[in-house]
Amino acid sequence: MKAYIFPGQGAQFEGMGKDLYEKSIIAKKMFEKANEILGYNITEIMFSGSAEDLKQTKVTQPAIFLHAVISANLMGEAFQPQMVAGHSLGEFSALVAAKALSFEDGLKLVYQRAMAMQEACELKPSTMAAVLGLEDALVEEVCKNTTGIVVAANYNCPGQLVISGDVEAVNQACEVLKERGAKRALILPVGGAFHSPLMEPAREKLARAIMETEFQNPICPVYQNAVAKAVTDKDEIKQNLIAQLTAPVLWTQSIQQMIADGGDLFIEIGPGKVLTGLMRSINREVAAEKAEV
C-alpha cells in the first residue's frame, strides 16, 4: 500500500516553493490565496527571505504547510494515497491531502496554531533537546525522575527521542542522560517546549478554533501523532488534533503501525528529506522516497 508522509517544523529552506510557483498556474493561485488568507505576503518571505526570516513561527509553520499541500496538489492523478501521516505540523498537511480539511481551513488553523504556540512559548522559558543512542524507556525514566517539567516529546526513530520542558529541567535531564550513555543530548534551536504540558495554553486556544472548523471523513486512513493508529472518523480526528499540542509525537509507532497495516511504499511530500531518513532508521526493508512534483 502507498503511504504519503508530510514533514513538520525544521524542514524549511531559503527559496522554498519558488519553483512550484513558477511552473504552475494552480500553485500560483494557491500561493496568492494564502497571502490573502494570512494578511501578509508569505510568498515573498518564502521565495526571497533569509533563513532567519523563515524561522519566525508565524512564517515557518504556514510555509511548510503550503509547500507540502501545493506539492501534493500538483501531483494530480498521480496522488492516490491509501494511508497518510504527518509529523507534528505535518499532520495538518496530511489532513488536507486526505480531504478531511479544506486548503483554506487548514491554512487558517496552521496559522492559529503557530501564533498560539508562540504565545505559550513567551509565558515561560522552555526548550527541547534531541537525545541519541538510548532506549526510549531509559529516556522516559530519566525525565520522570527529573525535578520540573520535562517529558518525551518526539519519538522520531529508534535511538532518537526529543525531550521537551522547562529550560532547567531539560538541561538537568541532558546531563543525566549523558552520564547514562547517550551519544548526544543536544539542546535544539526551538522557541519552546512543543508537545509538552507547557503548551496547554496553546492547546486551549487551538481547541476552540478546531471545534469551529468543518472537517470531513478523510478519503483514506490518517495515522495521527497522538494515537499512532488509523483514524477515519472526523470527530475522532478533531480530538486527536487538539491533543497533539501537549501529547508526544508517536512517529516511530505510527510508521510501524502503517507497515503492520500493509504500508510498503512511503513517499515524502513537502520540503526536505527528513522523514525519508527517519524511515531508514525505523525499517530499512520498506521502500521510502521523495515525491517527484
Protein backbone atom coordinates (compact mmCIF):
# COMPACT_ATOMS: atom_id res chain seq x y z
CA MET A 1 0.00 0.00 0.00
CA LYS A 2 1.10 3.52 -0.84
CA ALA A 3 1.61 5.82 2.16
CA TYR A 4 2.28 9.56 1.96
CA ILE A 5 4.13 11.30 4.79
CA PHE A 6 4.39 15.05 5.43
CA PRO A 7 7.22 16.84 7.30
CA GLY A 8 6.97 19.22 10.25
CA GLN A 9 8.83 22.27 11.52
CA GLY A 10 12.52 22.42 10.69
CA ALA A 11 12.14 21.38 7.04
CA GLN A 12 12.06 24.98 5.75
CA PHE A 13 14.75 26.30 3.38
CA GLU A 14 15.51 29.56 1.57
CA GLY A 15 13.67 29.95 -1.73
CA MET A 16 11.16 27.23 -0.83
CA GLY A 17 8.20 26.95 -3.18
CA LYS A 18 9.50 29.37 -5.82
CA ASP A 19 9.92 26.56 -8.38
CA LEU A 20 6.34 25.40 -7.74
CA TYR A 21 5.01 28.94 -8.17
CA GLU A 22 6.88 29.50 -11.42
CA LYS A 23 5.90 26.27 -13.14
CA SER A 24 2.20 26.02 -12.31
CA ILE A 25 -0.85 28.30 -12.53
CA ILE A 26 -2.57 26.12 -9.89
CA ALA A 27 0.35 26.67 -7.48
CA LYS A 28 0.38 30.40 -8.24
CA LYS A 29 -3.33 30.68 -7.38
CA MET A 30 -2.89 28.71 -4.15
CA PHE A 31 0.08 30.84 -3.03
CA GLU A 32 -1.82 34.05 -3.82
CA LYS A 33 -4.85 32.76 -1.92
CA ALA A 34 -2.53 32.08 1.04
CA ASN A 35 -1.27 35.70 1.02
CA GLU A 36 -4.90 36.83 1.11
CA ILE A 37 -5.89 34.48 3.97
CA LEU A 38 -2.83 35.27 6.11
CA GLY A 39 -2.97 39.01 5.51
CA TYR A 40 0.75 39.28 4.72
CA ASN A 41 2.98 38.34 1.81
CA ILE A 42 4.24 34.90 2.81
CA THR A 43 5.32 34.15 -0.77
CA GLU A 44 7.86 36.99 -0.67
CA ILE A 45 9.40 35.60 2.54
CA MET A 46 9.38 32.00 1.24
CA PHE A 47 10.93 32.88 -2.12
CA SER A 48 13.33 35.70 -1.14
CA GLY A 49 13.63 35.78 2.67
CA SER A 50 16.67 34.75 4.70
CA ALA A 51 16.93 31.63 6.84
CA GLU A 52 16.33 33.94 9.83
CA ASP A 53 13.11 35.30 8.26
CA LEU A 54 11.86 31.76 7.69
CA LYS A 55 12.48 30.87 11.34
CA GLN A 56 9.70 33.18 12.58
CA THR A 57 6.95 30.94 13.92
CA LYS A 58 4.21 32.83 12.05
CA VAL A 59 6.14 32.11 8.82
CA THR A 60 7.68 28.67 9.38
CA GLN A 61 4.54 26.66 10.00
CA PRO A 62 2.37 28.12 7.19
CA ALA A 63 5.36 27.95 4.79
CA ILE A 64 5.97 24.23 5.36
CA PHE A 65 2.24 23.51 5.17
CA LEU A 66 1.91 25.44 1.89
CA HIS A 67 4.89 23.73 0.27
CA ALA A 68 3.57 20.26 1.19
CA VAL A 69 -0.09 20.81 0.29
CA ILE A 70 0.66 22.55 -3.01
CA SER A 71 3.16 19.81 -3.93
CA ALA A 72 0.51 17.13 -3.30
CA ASN A 73 -1.98 19.13 -5.37
CA LEU A 74 0.44 19.40 -8.30
CA MET A 75 0.82 15.62 -8.45
CA GLY A 76 -2.72 15.49 -9.82
CA GLU A 77 -3.92 11.96 -10.66
CA ALA A 78 -0.58 10.51 -9.54
CA PHE A 79 -1.52 11.35 -5.94
CA GLN A 80 -3.51 8.29 -4.82
CA PRO A 81 -2.97 7.89 -1.07
CA GLN A 82 -4.00 4.68 0.65
CA MET A 83 -2.79 5.98 4.02
CA VAL A 84 -1.26 9.27 5.22
CA ALA A 85 0.59 10.66 8.24
CA GLY A 86 2.30 13.94 9.09
CA HIS A 87 4.98 14.72 11.66
CA SER A 88 3.61 17.27 14.17
CA LEU A 89 2.70 20.29 11.98
CA GLY A 90 2.74 17.88 9.00
CA GLU A 91 -0.45 16.29 10.32
CA PHE A 92 -2.36 19.34 9.04
CA SER A 93 -0.85 18.87 5.55
CA ALA A 94 -1.81 15.18 5.69
CA LEU A 95 -5.41 16.03 6.65
CA VAL A 96 -5.78 18.49 3.76
CA ALA A 97 -4.23 15.98 1.33
CA ALA A 98 -6.69 13.34 2.58
CA LYS A 99 -9.57 15.81 2.11
CA ALA A 100 -10.54 15.87 5.79
CA LEU A 101 -9.90 19.62 5.76
CA SER A 102 -10.13 22.27 3.04
CA PHE A 103 -6.94 24.06 1.97
CA GLU A 104 -8.27 27.38 3.31
CA ASP A 105 -9.35 25.99 6.69
CA GLY A 106 -6.11 24.02 7.03
CA LEU A 107 -4.03 27.16 6.46
CA LYS A 108 -6.11 29.19 8.94
CA LEU A 109 -5.68 26.51 11.62
CA VAL A 110 -1.94 26.23 10.98
CA TYR A 111 -1.56 30.00 11.37
CA GLN A 112 -3.65 29.99 14.58
CA ARG A 113 -1.57 27.07 15.85
CA ALA A 114 1.68 28.93 15.14
CA MET A 115 0.54 32.09 16.93
CA ALA A 116 -0.89 30.17 19.91
CA MET A 117 2.37 28.21 20.26
CA GLN A 118 4.41 31.44 20.03
CA GLU A 119 2.34 32.99 22.85
CA ALA A 120 2.71 29.86 25.00
CA CYS A 121 6.49 29.96 24.47
CA GLU A 122 6.62 33.52 25.81
CA LEU A 123 4.94 32.58 29.10
CA LYS A 124 7.88 30.58 30.46
CA PRO A 125 11.46 29.88 29.28
CA SER A 126 11.34 26.40 27.79
CA THR A 127 13.17 24.28 25.25
CA MET A 128 13.68 20.86 23.63
CA ALA A 129 16.67 18.53 23.29
CA ALA A 130 17.49 15.63 20.98
CA VAL A 131 18.70 12.51 22.76
CA LEU A 132 20.61 10.00 20.63
CA GLY A 133 21.64 6.42 21.27
CA LEU A 134 19.47 5.40 24.22
CA GLU A 135 16.43 3.16 24.66
CA ASP A 136 13.13 5.05 24.89
CA ALA A 137 12.34 3.53 28.30
CA LEU A 138 15.58 4.86 29.80
CA VAL A 139 14.93 8.39 28.49
CA GLU A 140 11.37 8.25 29.85
CA GLU A 141 12.65 7.11 33.24
CA VAL A 142 15.19 9.97 33.47
CA CYS A 143 12.51 12.52 32.53
CA LYS A 144 10.17 11.12 35.18
CA ASN A 145 12.84 11.39 37.87
CA THR A 146 13.93 14.94 36.97
CA THR A 147 12.61 17.87 39.02
CA GLY A 148 10.48 20.29 36.99
CA ILE A 149 8.65 19.71 33.71
CA VAL A 150 10.44 17.50 31.17
CA VAL A 151 8.80 14.82 29.02
CA ALA A 152 9.47 12.63 25.99
CA ALA A 153 8.05 14.69 23.10
CA ASN A 154 9.06 13.25 19.71
CA TYR A 155 9.66 9.53 19.14
CA ASN A 156 11.42 10.12 15.80
CA CYS A 157 13.06 6.73 15.26
CA PRO A 158 14.72 4.06 17.44
CA GLY A 159 17.61 5.75 19.25
CA GLN A 160 16.37 9.29 18.55
CA LEU A 161 13.97 10.80 21.05
CA VAL A 162 13.36 14.52 21.61
CA ILE A 163 12.59 15.70 25.14
CA SER A 164 10.71 18.89 25.98
CA GLY A 165 10.11 21.06 29.04
CA ASP A 166 11.32 23.99 31.11
CA VAL A 167 14.92 25.04 30.46
CA GLU A 168 16.36 23.97 33.81
CA ALA A 169 14.68 20.54 33.78
CA VAL A 170 15.74 19.81 30.18
CA ASN A 171 19.36 20.79 30.92
CA GLN A 172 19.38 18.66 34.05
CA ALA A 173 17.89 15.67 32.19
CA CYS A 174 20.51 16.07 29.42
CA GLU A 175 23.36 15.86 31.94
CA VAL A 176 21.92 12.68 33.48
CA LEU A 177 21.25 11.15 30.05
CA LYS A 178 24.88 11.74 29.01
CA GLU A 179 26.00 10.01 32.22
CA ARG A 180 23.66 7.12 31.38
CA GLY A 181 25.33 6.64 27.98
CA ALA A 182 23.60 8.93 25.48
CA LYS A 183 25.75 9.52 22.39
CA ARG A 184 24.41 13.06 22.37
CA ALA A 185 21.90 15.13 24.34
CA LEU A 186 21.71 18.30 22.35
CA ILE A 187 19.59 21.41 23.07
CA LEU A 188 17.64 22.31 19.91
CA PRO A 189 17.27 25.83 18.48
CA VAL A 190 13.49 25.99 19.01
CA GLY A 191 11.22 28.62 20.52
CA GLY A 192 9.83 26.49 23.33
CA ALA A 193 8.64 23.19 24.75
CA PHE A 194 6.42 21.81 21.99
CA HIS A 195 4.44 18.62 22.74
CA SER A 196 4.70 19.12 26.49
CA PRO A 197 2.34 20.27 29.27
CA LEU A 198 3.75 23.80 28.79
CA MET A 199 1.74 24.01 25.54
CA GLU A 200 -1.57 23.79 27.45
CA PRO A 201 -2.48 27.48 26.84
CA ALA A 202 -1.92 26.93 23.09
CA ARG A 203 -3.92 23.69 23.15
CA GLU A 204 -6.91 25.50 24.68
CA LYS A 205 -6.82 28.23 22.02
CA LEU A 206 -6.39 25.80 19.15
CA ALA A 207 -9.14 23.54 20.53
CA ARG A 208 -11.68 26.35 20.13
CA ALA A 209 -10.57 27.01 16.54
CA ILE A 210 -10.65 23.30 15.63
CA MET A 211 -14.12 22.80 17.10
CA GLU A 212 -15.41 25.72 15.00
CA THR A 213 -13.90 24.31 11.78
CA GLU A 214 -15.71 21.92 9.46
CA PHE A 215 -13.98 18.57 8.97
CA GLN A 216 -14.94 15.69 6.63
CA ASN A 217 -14.20 11.99 6.93
CA PRO A 218 -10.89 11.50 5.05
CA ILE A 219 -10.57 9.60 1.74
CA CYS A 220 -8.04 7.24 3.39
CA PRO A 221 -6.91 6.41 6.94
CA VAL A 222 -4.90 9.12 8.72
CA TYR A 223 -2.34 7.87 11.25
CA GLN A 224 -2.35 10.59 13.89
CA ASN A 225 0.59 11.55 16.12
CA ALA A 226 -1.27 11.32 19.42
CA VAL A 227 -2.59 7.76 18.92
CA ALA A 228 -0.32 6.11 16.29
CA LYS A 229 -3.19 4.28 14.61
CA ALA A 230 -5.52 4.61 11.61
CA VAL A 231 -8.31 7.15 12.11
CA THR A 232 -11.16 7.70 9.66
CA ASP A 233 -13.82 9.44 11.76
CA LYS A 234 -13.83 13.27 11.52
CA ASP A 235 -14.80 13.79 15.18
CA GLU A 236 -12.04 11.49 16.38
CA ILE A 237 -9.61 13.32 14.06
CA LYS A 238 -10.54 16.64 15.72
CA GLN A 239 -9.97 15.28 19.24
CA ASN A 240 -6.57 13.80 18.32
CA LEU A 241 -5.55 17.05 16.63
CA ILE A 242 -6.43 19.00 19.79
CA ALA A 243 -4.48 16.52 21.94
CA GLN A 244 -1.45 16.79 19.67
CA LEU A 245 -0.01 20.02 21.10
CA THR A 246 0.57 18.62 24.59
CA ALA A 247 0.91 14.91 23.65
CA PRO A 248 4.09 13.27 22.32
CA VAL A 249 4.56 12.75 18.58
CA LEU A 250 4.45 8.95 18.27
CA TRP A 251 6.19 8.93 14.90
CA THR A 252 8.12 5.66 15.21
CA GLN A 253 4.97 3.94 16.48
CA SER A 254 2.82 5.46 13.67
CA ILE A 255 5.18 4.26 10.93
CA GLN A 256 5.45 0.80 12.49
CA GLN A 257 1.64 0.58 12.61
CA MET A 258 1.34 1.73 8.97
CA ILE A 259 3.79 -1.01 7.95
CA ALA A 260 1.85 -3.56 10.01
CA ASP A 261 -1.33 -2.42 8.23
CA GLY A 262 0.22 -3.00 4.80
CA GLY A 263 2.19 0.17 4.02
CA ASP A 264 5.08 -0.86 1.77
CA LEU A 265 5.95 2.34 -0.14
CA PHE A 266 6.39 5.60 1.81
CA ILE A 267 6.52 8.83 -0.19
CA GLU A 268 7.54 12.09 1.47
CA ILE A 269 5.81 15.24 0.20
CA GLY A 270 6.97 18.73 1.12
CA PRO A 271 10.29 20.42 1.88
CA GLY A 272 13.37 18.36 2.75
CA LYS A 273 14.01 14.63 3.18
CA VAL A 274 13.99 14.31 6.97
CA LEU A 275 11.21 11.72 7.12
CA THR A 276 12.75 9.60 4.36
CA GLY A 277 15.92 9.49 6.50
CA LEU A 278 13.96 8.50 9.61
CA MET A 279 12.24 5.72 7.64
CA ARG A 280 15.62 4.04 7.09
CA SER A 281 16.20 4.01 10.84
CA ILE A 282 12.69 2.72 11.62
CA ASN A 283 12.58 -0.04 8.99
CA ARG A 284 15.25 -0.40 6.32
CA GLU A 285 13.29 -3.09 4.49
CA VAL A 286 10.45 -0.76 3.45
CA ALA A 287 10.78 1.46 0.38
CA ALA A 288 10.90 5.21 1.10
CA GLU A 289 11.37 8.01 -1.41
CA LYS A 290 10.88 11.70 -2.00
CA ALA A 291 7.88 12.65 -4.16
CA GLU A 292 8.54 13.96 -7.65
CA VAL A 293 6.49 17.06 -8.29
